Amino acid sequence: MSMGTSWPSKEALDRSGRSAGRRGLGRGVRVVLLAVAVWATVTRTHLPAWQIALALAGIAAASAVLWLFFTVTLRRLLWPAVALMVLLIGAASACQALDAPVAASVLLCGVAMVSLQRLPLAAAVPIAGVALADFVLVGGSDGRPAALLTVLGLCLLGYTARLDAEARGNTQRLLAQERAARKAEAETAALAERARIAREIHDVLAHSLSAQTVHLEATRLLIERGADREVVLERVVAARRMAREGLAETRQALSALRGDMSPVEDFLRELVSSEGARLEVTGESRGIPAEAGLAVRRVAQEAMTNVRKHAPGARVELRLEYRPAEVQLEFRDFGAPGPVDNSLGASGSGYGLVGMRERAELLGGALDAGPVEEGFVVRLRVPA
């Protein structure tokens, strides 16, 4: 759509977006113009009373038509708006016939101003041209130079008001877009936080319940095979210990979500001490982001659970390396010392490595896992 046939934006046409001071100034100008028209009509005492009354009624009707014009232009109804402007030009001609040139001039100037401000230029320019030409004629031959200067000023003022309204409309539109963007950003952040909480709860429960399932499944098999009471009791105690650890891990997860958690090194030392494993730390120790720390914790826990399930009794070594822009955790087991009862393998979820890799990739890191010459190795790298 070309500039000549395009309407001003809805924000430019809608006066509700204007400041209170600007709206008050606009109302004040309209009241002053209306008062001038009424005063000029009433003070012409040589007019008959019926003509004065008719002129005042015409001014009131013109005010109503002008209000209706603002309404239809807000809805972008071109032909009704043009018809209303033509009606006001006719009213101005009637005022001239009634020898009320001031009222006629106010109407004509108003028509030119609001047309240039609120109509497409292709319609506004002809209407304003007719109104202002009539205004020059109202001024008479002696006043035409001043009237011409007034016409030029009115054209400039009307078009400037249009540009100002457009600029204000663009500002309002940008503010609305910014508010919508902030709202969308807040919603995205809330969804991301929910996903993080869900992931933490899932990881904690998957680790704890998977370990408990292993021990309970082993207990069932031992009972079916008629094992000694002490052996069965040992498995039950181990399952209870897993439940307690799961509760402790849940509390740690909640603390982590609140941003209150122990350093990663302390957590790994507690983990290896409870499992009889070995931990090596290289590089200069430093604080790492919460998400990276959680990833290291969860990968270590999941890898330790896999060792319990698939290589019980295996020697385990952990190596935490601080690099300039990342940290790396290497978790390695050296294989079970004896035959493994694979009947317990079905007790796990089967999604441990998938979940660990997904967590690493969400942080911009990577996870590699696979068998080596002796045992199995898991390597995690995350930015930190």
Protein backbone atom coordinates (compact mmCIF):
# COMPACT_ATOMS: atom_id res chain seq x y z
CA MET A 1 0.00 0.00 0.00
CA SER A 2 1.43 3.38 -1.05
CA MET A 3 1.89 6.26 1.35
CA GLY A 4 -0.91 8.27 -0.32
CA THR A 5 -3.58 5.60 0.17
CA SER A 6 -2.43 4.25 3.52
CA TRP A 7 -4.13 5.19 6.77
CA PRO A 8 -2.25 6.40 9.80
CA SER A 9 -1.61 3.54 12.21
CA LYS A 10 -4.33 2.57 14.69
CA GLU A 11 -2.06 3.72 17.51
CA ALA A 12 -1.78 7.15 15.85
CA LEU A 13 -5.56 7.42 15.42
CA ASP A 14 -6.40 6.20 18.93
CA ARG A 15 -6.26 9.06 21.41
CA SER A 16 -6.38 6.73 24.43
CA GLY A 17 -2.63 6.13 24.13
CA ARG A 18 -1.80 9.80 24.57
CA SER A 19 -0.58 11.23 27.83
CA ALA A 20 -3.01 13.00 30.12
CA GLY A 21 -1.34 16.37 29.43
CA ARG A 22 -1.60 15.93 25.66
CA ARG A 23 -5.26 14.91 25.88
CA GLY A 24 -5.98 17.88 28.12
CA LEU A 25 -4.26 20.26 25.69
CA GLY A 26 -6.30 18.89 22.79
CA ARG A 27 -9.55 19.30 24.69
CA GLY A 28 -8.55 22.84 25.67
CA VAL A 29 -7.88 23.84 22.06
CA ARG A 30 -11.23 22.45 20.94
CA VAL A 31 -13.06 24.25 23.74
CA VAL A 32 -11.35 27.54 22.87
CA LEU A 33 -12.23 27.22 19.18
CA LEU A 34 -15.83 26.34 20.04
CA ALA A 35 -16.03 29.30 22.40
CA VAL A 36 -14.67 31.65 19.74
CA ALA A 37 -17.23 30.42 17.22
CA VAL A 38 -20.09 30.83 19.71
CA TRP A 39 -18.88 34.24 20.86
CA ALA A 40 -18.48 35.53 17.32
CA THR A 41 -21.99 34.34 16.48
CA VAL A 42 -23.74 35.70 19.57
CA THR A 43 -22.02 39.08 19.59
CA ARG A 44 -23.25 39.90 16.07
CA THR A 45 -26.31 41.59 17.48
CA HIS A 46 -27.62 42.78 14.06
CA LEU A 47 -28.57 39.15 13.25
CA PRO A 48 -32.14 38.12 14.01
CA ALA A 49 -32.60 35.86 17.01
CA TRP A 50 -33.71 32.93 14.87
CA GLN A 51 -30.52 33.13 12.81
CA ILE A 52 -28.37 33.23 15.95
CA ALA A 53 -30.21 30.19 17.29
CA LEU A 54 -29.80 28.42 13.97
CA ALA A 55 -26.09 29.21 13.90
CA LEU A 56 -25.62 27.90 17.45
CA ALA A 57 -27.50 24.75 16.54
CA GLY A 58 -25.22 24.38 13.54
CA ILE A 59 -22.13 24.73 15.75
CA ALA A 60 -23.47 22.04 18.08
CA ALA A 61 -24.24 19.79 15.14
CA ALA A 62 -20.77 20.39 13.69
CA SER A 63 -19.21 19.38 17.03
CA ALA A 64 -21.21 16.14 16.96
CA VAL A 65 -20.16 15.48 13.35
CA LEU A 66 -16.53 16.07 14.27
CA TRP A 67 -16.79 13.58 17.15
CA LEU A 68 -18.35 11.05 14.76
CA PHE A 69 -15.50 11.70 12.31
CA PHE A 70 -12.95 10.71 14.96
CA THR A 71 -14.93 7.50 15.57
CA VAL A 72 -15.21 6.41 11.93
CA THR A 73 -11.56 7.20 11.19
CA LEU A 74 -10.53 5.08 14.16
CA ARG A 75 -12.38 2.24 12.42
CA ARG A 76 -10.75 3.27 9.10
CA LEU A 77 -14.03 3.81 7.25
CA LEU A 78 -12.97 6.05 4.36
CA TRP A 79 -16.19 7.05 2.62
CA PRO A 80 -18.19 7.82 5.80
CA ALA A 81 -15.25 9.95 6.97
CA VAL A 82 -15.11 11.81 3.63
CA ALA A 83 -18.89 12.36 3.74
CA LEU A 84 -18.62 13.87 7.22
CA MET A 85 -15.90 16.28 6.07
CA VAL A 86 -18.02 17.32 3.07
CA LEU A 87 -20.92 17.87 5.48
CA LEU A 88 -18.76 20.17 7.62
CA ILE A 89 -17.65 22.12 4.55
CA GLY A 90 -21.35 22.55 3.69
CA ALA A 91 -22.01 23.74 7.25
CA ALA A 92 -19.24 26.30 6.84
CA SER A 93 -20.90 27.53 3.64
CA ALA A 94 -24.16 27.85 5.58
CA CYS A 95 -22.39 29.93 8.20
CA GLN A 96 -21.10 32.19 5.47
CA ALA A 97 -24.63 32.59 4.13
CA LEU A 98 -25.78 33.52 7.63
CA ASP A 99 -23.02 36.15 7.77
CA ALA A 100 -21.03 34.26 10.44
CA PRO A 101 -17.51 34.29 8.91
CA VAL A 102 -15.69 33.46 12.16
CA ALA A 103 -17.70 30.27 12.66
CA ALA A 104 -17.17 29.40 9.00
CA SER A 105 -13.43 29.97 9.29
CA VAL A 106 -13.17 27.78 12.42
CA LEU A 107 -15.04 24.96 10.66
CA LEU A 108 -12.94 25.17 7.51
CA CYS A 109 -9.66 25.30 9.39
CA GLY A 110 -10.77 22.39 11.55
CA VAL A 111 -11.73 20.32 8.49
CA ALA A 112 -8.31 20.94 6.92
CA MET A 113 -6.44 20.11 10.10
CA VAL A 114 -8.21 16.87 11.02
CA SER A 115 -8.29 15.67 7.39
CA LEU A 116 -4.52 16.01 7.04
CA GLN A 117 -4.03 14.35 10.42
CA ARG A 118 -6.41 11.38 10.21
CA LEU A 119 -7.22 10.52 6.58
CA PRO A 120 -5.12 8.88 3.86
CA LEU A 121 -3.29 11.64 2.05
CA ALA A 122 -5.01 10.81 -1.24
CA ALA A 123 -8.31 11.83 0.38
CA ALA A 124 -6.99 14.36 2.89
CA VAL A 125 -5.22 16.65 0.41
CA PRO A 126 -8.30 17.32 -1.83
CA ILE A 127 -10.57 17.85 1.18
CA ALA A 128 -8.07 20.18 2.85
CA GLY A 129 -7.56 21.99 -0.46
CA VAL A 130 -11.29 22.66 -0.87
CA ALA A 131 -11.66 23.74 2.76
CA LEU A 132 -8.68 26.09 2.68
CA ALA A 133 -9.67 27.58 -0.69
CA ASP A 134 -13.05 28.33 0.80
CA PHE A 135 -11.29 29.80 3.83
CA VAL A 136 -9.32 32.17 1.56
CA LEU A 137 -12.57 33.26 -0.09
CA VAL A 138 -14.13 33.91 3.31
CA GLY A 139 -11.25 36.29 4.10
CA GLY A 140 -12.16 38.52 1.14
CA SER A 141 -9.81 40.18 -1.33
CA ASP A 142 -8.19 42.45 1.25
CA GLY A 143 -7.29 39.66 3.58
CA ARG A 144 -6.13 37.09 1.05
CA PRO A 145 -2.36 37.51 1.61
CA ALA A 146 -2.81 36.89 5.35
CA ALA A 147 -5.25 34.10 4.56
CA LEU A 148 -2.73 32.46 2.25
CA LEU A 149 -0.08 32.57 4.96
CA THR A 150 -2.60 31.08 7.37
CA VAL A 151 -3.34 28.32 4.86
CA LEU A 152 0.34 27.46 4.55
CA GLY A 153 0.68 27.41 8.34
CA LEU A 154 -2.39 25.20 8.70
CA CYS A 155 -1.08 22.73 6.08
CA LEU A 156 2.26 22.55 7.83
CA LEU A 157 0.64 22.24 11.24
CA GLY A 158 -1.77 19.52 10.09
CA TYR A 159 0.92 17.42 8.44
CA THR A 160 3.24 17.92 11.43
CA ALA A 161 0.46 16.71 13.72
CA ARG A 162 0.09 13.65 11.47
CA LEU A 163 3.81 12.87 11.67
CA ASP A 164 3.77 13.40 15.42
CA ALA A 165 0.82 11.01 15.80
CA GLU A 166 2.60 8.43 13.63
CA ALA A 167 5.77 8.72 15.71
CA ARG A 168 3.76 8.37 18.89
CA GLY A 169 1.93 5.37 17.41
CA ASN A 170 5.21 3.72 16.47
CA THR A 171 6.50 4.28 19.98
CA GLN A 172 3.38 2.72 21.48
CA ARG A 173 3.64 -0.22 19.10
CA LEU A 174 7.29 -0.78 20.00
CA LEU A 175 6.44 -0.60 23.70
CA ALA A 176 3.66 -3.15 23.20
CA GLN A 177 6.05 -5.43 21.33
CA GLU A 178 8.64 -5.04 24.07
CA ARG A 179 6.07 -5.90 26.74
CA ALA A 180 4.99 -8.94 24.71
CA ALA A 181 8.63 -9.98 24.29
CA ARG A 182 9.27 -9.61 28.02
CA LYS A 183 6.16 -11.63 28.79
CA ALA A 184 7.24 -14.35 26.36
CA GLU A 185 10.73 -14.28 27.85
CA ALA A 186 9.31 -14.65 31.36
CA GLU A 187 7.12 -17.54 30.22
CA THR A 188 10.11 -19.19 28.53
CA ALA A 189 12.20 -18.75 31.67
CA ALA A 190 9.40 -20.26 33.76
CA LEU A 191 9.12 -23.24 31.41
CA ALA A 192 12.90 -23.70 31.48
CA GLU A 193 12.86 -23.58 35.27
CA ARG A 194 10.05 -26.13 35.38
CA ALA A 195 11.98 -28.37 33.01
CA ARG A 196 15.07 -28.03 35.20
CA ILE A 197 13.12 -28.91 38.32
CA ALA A 198 11.50 -31.87 36.56
CA ARG A 199 14.89 -33.05 35.31
CA GLU A 200 16.42 -32.80 38.78
CA ILE A 201 13.57 -34.68 40.42
CA HIS A 202 13.65 -37.32 37.68
CA ASP A 203 17.39 -37.80 37.99
CA VAL A 204 17.29 -38.07 41.76
CA LEU A 205 14.39 -40.51 41.79
CA ALA A 206 15.78 -42.53 38.88
CA HIS A 207 19.12 -42.91 40.65
CA SER A 208 17.64 -43.78 44.04
CA LEU A 209 14.77 -45.99 42.92
CA SER A 210 16.93 -47.81 40.37
CA ALA A 211 19.44 -48.72 43.07
CA GLN A 212 16.65 -49.85 45.40
CA THR A 213 15.14 -51.93 42.61
CA VAL A 214 18.46 -53.70 42.10
CA HIS A 215 18.68 -54.69 45.76
CA LEU A 216 15.03 -55.65 46.03
CA GLU A 217 15.23 -57.76 42.87
CA ALA A 218 18.33 -59.43 44.26
CA THR A 219 16.45 -60.07 47.50
CA ARG A 220 13.61 -61.71 45.59
CA LEU A 221 16.02 -63.97 43.72
CA LEU A 222 17.81 -64.91 46.93
CA ILE A 223 14.53 -65.80 48.62
CA GLU A 224 13.47 -67.90 45.64
CA ARG A 225 16.80 -69.74 45.75
CA GLY A 226 16.50 -70.33 49.50
CA ALA A 227 19.49 -68.23 50.51
CA ASP A 228 20.52 -67.77 54.13
CA ARG A 229 18.64 -65.30 56.26
CA GLU A 230 21.76 -63.19 56.79
CA VAL A 231 22.32 -62.82 53.04
CA VAL A 232 18.71 -61.77 52.45
CA LEU A 233 18.84 -59.38 55.39
CA GLU A 234 21.98 -57.81 53.98
CA ARG A 235 20.13 -56.99 50.76
CA VAL A 236 17.16 -55.54 52.65
CA VAL A 237 19.50 -53.34 54.68
CA ALA A 238 21.18 -52.20 51.49
CA ALA A 239 17.80 -51.29 50.00
CA ARG A 240 16.95 -49.32 53.13
CA ARG A 241 20.28 -47.52 52.86
CA MET A 242 19.48 -46.65 49.26
CA ALA A 243 16.13 -45.21 50.37
CA ARG A 244 17.85 -43.02 52.95
CA GLU A 245 20.41 -41.90 50.41
CA GLY A 246 17.60 -41.10 47.99
CA LEU A 247 15.95 -38.94 50.60
CA ALA A 248 19.23 -37.17 51.25
CA GLU A 249 19.76 -36.67 47.52
CA THR A 250 16.26 -35.24 47.18
CA ARG A 251 17.10 -32.72 49.87
CA GLN A 252 20.35 -31.91 48.07
CA ALA A 253 18.42 -31.40 44.83
CA LEU A 254 16.07 -28.98 46.55
CA SER A 255 19.05 -27.14 47.98
CA ALA A 256 20.63 -27.03 44.55
CA LEU A 257 17.46 -25.59 43.04
CA ARG A 258 17.64 -22.85 45.65
CA GLY A 259 21.28 -22.26 44.71
CA ASP A 260 22.54 -23.62 48.03
CA MET A 261 24.70 -26.71 47.57
CA SER A 262 28.08 -28.01 48.65
CA PRO A 263 31.11 -27.81 46.31
CA VAL A 264 31.38 -30.51 43.67
CA GLU A 265 34.66 -31.82 45.06
CA ASP A 266 33.11 -32.36 48.50
CA PHE A 267 30.21 -34.24 46.97
CA LEU A 268 32.51 -36.49 44.91
CA ARG A 269 34.67 -37.24 47.94
CA GLU A 270 31.62 -38.32 49.91
CA LEU A 271 30.49 -40.47 46.99
CA VAL A 272 33.81 -42.28 46.55
CA SER A 273 34.28 -42.75 50.30
CA SER A 274 30.90 -44.50 50.61
CA GLU A 275 31.67 -46.72 47.61
CA GLY A 276 35.33 -47.42 48.28
CA ALA A 277 36.38 -45.70 45.06
CA ARG A 278 39.28 -43.35 44.29
CA LEU A 279 39.12 -39.65 43.34
CA GLU A 280 41.82 -37.58 41.64
CA VAL A 281 41.49 -33.81 41.16
CA THR A 282 43.74 -31.95 38.70
CA GLY A 283 43.93 -28.31 37.76
CA GLU A 284 43.25 -25.28 39.91
CA SER A 285 40.06 -25.72 41.92
CA ARG A 286 37.44 -23.03 41.46
CA GLY A 287 33.74 -22.47 41.83
CA ILE A 288 31.70 -23.63 38.87
CA PRO A 289 28.16 -22.67 37.78
CA ALA A 290 25.28 -24.43 39.49
CA GLU A 291 24.07 -26.18 36.33
CA ALA A 292 27.54 -27.51 35.55
CA GLY A 293 27.95 -28.70 39.13
CA LEU A 294 24.61 -30.50 39.01
CA ALA A 295 25.61 -32.21 35.77
CA VAL A 296 28.84 -33.50 37.34
CA ARG A 297 26.94 -34.76 40.39
CA ARG A 298 24.23 -36.53 38.43
CA VAL A 299 26.65 -38.17 35.99
CA ALA A 300 28.78 -39.46 38.86
CA GLN A 301 25.70 -40.82 40.63
CA GLU A 302 24.30 -42.47 37.52
CA ALA A 303 27.64 -44.00 36.59
CA MET A 304 28.03 -45.36 40.13
CA THR A 305 24.55 -46.87 39.93
CA ASN A 306 25.47 -48.57 36.65
CA VAL A 307 28.54 -50.06 38.29
CA ARG A 308 26.40 -51.46 41.10
CA LYS A 309 24.03 -53.03 38.58
CA HIS A 310 26.40 -54.27 35.89
CA ALA A 311 29.80 -54.62 37.55
CA PRO A 312 29.31 -55.10 41.31
CA GLY A 313 32.57 -55.09 43.21
CA ALA A 314 34.49 -53.43 40.38
CA ARG A 315 37.33 -51.05 41.18
CA VAL A 316 36.22 -47.48 40.41
CA GLU A 317 38.32 -44.38 39.76
CA LEU A 318 37.09 -40.80 39.27
CA ARG A 319 39.14 -37.98 37.83
CA LEU A 320 37.95 -34.36 38.01
CA GLU A 321 39.94 -31.99 35.83
CA TYR A 322 39.63 -28.21 35.89
CA ARG A 323 40.36 -26.77 32.44
CA PRO A 324 40.49 -23.09 31.41
CA ALA A 325 36.92 -22.99 30.03
CA GLU A 326 35.43 -26.28 31.18
CA VAL A 327 35.57 -29.12 33.65
CA GLN A 328 35.88 -32.79 32.78
CA LEU A 329 34.80 -35.73 34.86
CA GLU A 330 36.13 -39.16 33.94
CA PHE A 331 34.45 -42.10 35.63
CA ARG A 332 36.03 -45.49 35.03
CA ASP A 333 35.42 -48.95 36.36
CA PHE A 334 37.78 -51.87 35.76
CA GLY A 335 35.18 -54.60 35.44
CA ALA A 336 33.58 -56.93 37.94
CA PRO A 337 36.02 -59.27 39.73
CA GLY A 338 33.79 -62.26 38.99
CA PRO A 339 30.82 -63.44 36.96
CA VAL A 340 27.90 -61.02 36.95
CA ASP A 341 24.28 -62.14 37.38
CA ASN A 342 22.74 -60.32 34.39
CA SER A 343 19.26 -61.24 35.56
CA LEU A 344 19.30 -58.00 37.52
CA GLY A 345 20.04 -55.90 34.43
CA ALA A 346 16.37 -55.58 33.58
CA SER A 347 15.64 -53.80 36.82
CA GLY A 348 17.06 -50.47 35.60
CA SER A 349 15.35 -47.96 33.40
CA GLY A 350 17.80 -48.25 30.52
CA TYR A 351 17.88 -44.49 29.99
CA GLY A 352 20.86 -43.59 32.21
CA LEU A 353 23.34 -42.75 29.45
CA VAL A 354 20.67 -41.02 27.38
CA GLY A 355 19.72 -38.79 30.30
CA MET A 356 23.36 -37.98 31.10
CA ARG A 357 24.14 -37.11 27.47
CA GLU A 358 21.02 -34.94 27.23
CA ARG A 359 21.99 -33.05 30.39
CA ALA A 360 25.50 -32.40 29.03
CA GLU A 361 24.26 -31.20 25.63
CA LEU A 362 21.77 -28.83 27.22
CA LEU A 363 24.73 -27.09 28.84
CA GLY A 364 26.76 -26.98 25.63
CA GLY A 365 28.98 -29.86 26.72
CA ALA A 366 29.39 -33.47 25.67
CA LEU A 367 29.35 -36.94 27.16
CA ASP A 368 31.21 -39.99 25.83
CA ALA A 369 30.68 -43.46 27.23
CA GLY A 370 31.72 -46.92 26.16
CA PRO A 371 33.74 -50.02 26.99
CA VAL A 372 37.54 -49.90 27.12
CA GLU A 373 40.14 -52.59 27.24
CA GLU A 374 39.31 -53.25 30.86
CA GLY A 375 35.92 -52.12 32.13
CA PHE A 376 33.83 -49.10 31.12
CA VAL A 377 34.52 -45.37 31.00
CA VAL A 378 32.26 -42.30 31.08
CA ARG A 379 33.68 -38.85 30.23
CA LEU A 380 31.72 -35.64 30.80
CA ARG A 381 32.80 -32.18 29.61
CA VAL A 382 30.78 -29.10 30.48
CA PRO A 383 31.58 -25.38 30.16
CA ALA A 384 32.51 -23.86 33.50
